[in-house]
Amino acid sequence: LSLETDLLMGCIALEPDRHREGIRSRELGYWMGEPYWGQGRVTEAAAALLDYGFSELDLEIVSVCTSPANKRSQRVIEKLGFTPANVCEQVTKYLAEYQRS
C-alpha cells in the first residue's frame, strides 16, 4: 500500500513451483501498478523476499518467468542475479524462465 494514497501499489509472492517436484523450490511472482514503475520498488521488495526464501524457507531454487517483450521485468530479474534457464511456450505466449540458486 502507498502510505501517501492508501492505494495498492502492487504485490509480490513466492508461489508454489508448478514445474519442479522433490526439491524446495518456489516461483517468484510480482505485479506493480504503472504509476510506480521505474522507482526500484519491485527490485527492493523482491531482493528482501528472496533473502527470506533462501534463509528462512531453506529454498534450493527460485524461478521467475516473464514475457520476452517485458524489458522492465527482465531488468529487475537481471538485477536480482537470476540467469536465463530456458524459454517455454505457455498459452500462446512465450515466457522466459530464469533461475537463481
Protein backbone atom coordinates (compact mmCIF):
# COMPACT_ATOMS: atom_id res chain seq x y z
CA LEU A 1 0.00 0.00 0.00
CA SER A 2 1.09 3.53 -0.68
CA LEU A 3 1.44 5.44 2.58
CA GLU A 4 0.51 8.61 0.71
CA THR A 5 -2.67 7.43 -1.03
CA ASP A 6 -3.57 4.23 0.86
CA LEU A 7 -3.92 2.54 -2.57
CA LEU A 8 -2.48 -0.82 -3.60
CA MET A 9 0.82 -0.27 -5.42
CA GLY A 10 1.46 -3.89 -6.37
CA CYS A 11 2.01 -7.36 -4.98
CA ILE A 12 4.76 -9.92 -4.73
CA ALA A 13 4.92 -13.57 -3.64
CA LEU A 14 6.92 -16.76 -3.61
CA GLU A 15 4.37 -19.14 -5.07
CA PRO A 16 4.48 -22.95 -5.28
CA ASP A 17 6.66 -24.07 -8.18
CA ARG A 18 4.41 -25.82 -10.70
CA HIS A 19 7.33 -27.27 -12.66
CA ARG A 20 9.52 -28.95 -10.03
CA GLU A 21 8.76 -31.68 -7.55
CA GLY A 22 11.02 -33.19 -4.95
CA ILE A 23 13.08 -30.07 -4.26
CA ARG A 24 12.46 -26.98 -2.16
CA SER A 25 11.58 -24.52 -4.90
CA ARG A 26 9.28 -21.57 -5.44
CA GLU A 27 8.35 -19.25 -8.28
CA LEU A 28 8.70 -15.51 -7.79
CA GLY A 29 5.70 -13.55 -9.00
CA TYR A 30 5.10 -9.82 -8.88
CA TRP A 31 2.95 -7.04 -10.26
CA MET A 32 3.41 -3.29 -9.89
CA GLY A 33 0.92 -0.60 -10.86
CA GLU A 34 2.10 1.61 -13.71
CA PRO A 35 2.30 4.83 -11.65
CA TYR A 36 5.02 3.15 -9.56
CA TRP A 37 7.17 1.76 -12.39
CA GLY A 38 10.84 2.71 -12.59
CA GLN A 39 11.25 3.52 -8.89
CA GLY A 40 13.13 0.36 -7.86
CA ARG A 41 10.33 -0.85 -5.60
CA VAL A 42 9.96 -4.29 -7.20
CA THR A 43 13.71 -4.89 -7.12
CA GLU A 44 13.90 -3.89 -3.45
CA ALA A 45 10.90 -5.99 -2.40
CA ALA A 46 12.00 -8.99 -4.46
CA ALA A 47 15.53 -8.89 -3.02
CA ALA A 48 14.12 -8.95 0.51
CA LEU A 49 11.70 -11.76 -0.35
CA LEU A 50 14.46 -13.83 -1.98
CA ASP A 51 16.68 -13.39 1.07
CA TYR A 52 13.79 -14.62 3.21
CA GLY A 53 13.14 -17.56 0.89
CA PHE A 54 16.72 -18.79 0.89
CA SER A 55 17.48 -18.11 4.56
CA GLU A 56 14.18 -18.84 6.32
CA LEU A 57 12.41 -21.23 3.94
CA ASP A 58 15.67 -23.01 3.03
CA LEU A 59 14.79 -22.94 -0.67
CA GLU A 60 17.10 -24.65 -3.13
CA ILE A 61 15.96 -22.72 -6.18
CA VAL A 62 13.65 -19.87 -7.17
CA SER A 63 12.48 -19.29 -10.72
CA VAL A 64 10.67 -16.42 -12.38
CA CYS A 65 9.01 -16.16 -15.80
CA THR A 66 8.43 -13.09 -17.92
CA SER A 67 7.44 -12.23 -21.44
CA PRO A 68 10.36 -11.51 -23.77
CA ALA A 69 8.59 -8.21 -24.56
CA ASN A 70 8.62 -7.09 -20.91
CA LYS A 71 12.02 -5.37 -20.80
CA ARG A 72 11.39 -3.71 -17.42
CA SER A 73 10.73 -7.07 -15.77
CA GLN A 74 13.78 -8.57 -17.47
CA ARG A 75 15.89 -5.76 -15.99
CA VAL A 76 14.52 -6.45 -12.50
CA ILE A 77 15.29 -10.15 -12.92
CA GLU A 78 18.82 -9.37 -14.09
CA LYS A 79 19.45 -7.02 -11.14
CA LEU A 80 18.35 -9.78 -8.76
CA GLY A 81 21.06 -12.12 -10.08
CA PHE A 82 18.90 -14.61 -11.96
CA THR A 83 20.33 -16.36 -15.00
CA PRO A 84 18.35 -17.46 -18.09
CA ALA A 85 17.29 -21.11 -17.89
CA ASN A 86 15.07 -21.76 -20.91
CA VAL A 87 12.20 -20.49 -22.99
CA CYS A 88 8.88 -22.31 -22.89
CA GLU A 89 5.59 -21.90 -24.68
CA GLN A 90 2.60 -21.42 -22.44
CA VAL A 91 -0.93 -20.45 -23.55
CA THR A 92 0.29 -18.99 -26.86
CA LYS A 93 2.76 -16.68 -25.06
CA TYR A 94 6.45 -17.33 -24.88
CA LEU A 95 7.86 -17.00 -21.40
CA ALA A 96 11.50 -16.83 -20.47
CA GLU A 97 12.39 -18.68 -17.29
CA TYR A 98 15.25 -17.57 -15.08
CA GLN A 99 16.73 -19.36 -12.09
CA ARG A 100 18.66 -18.31 -9.03
CA SER A 101 20.09 -20.86 -6.65
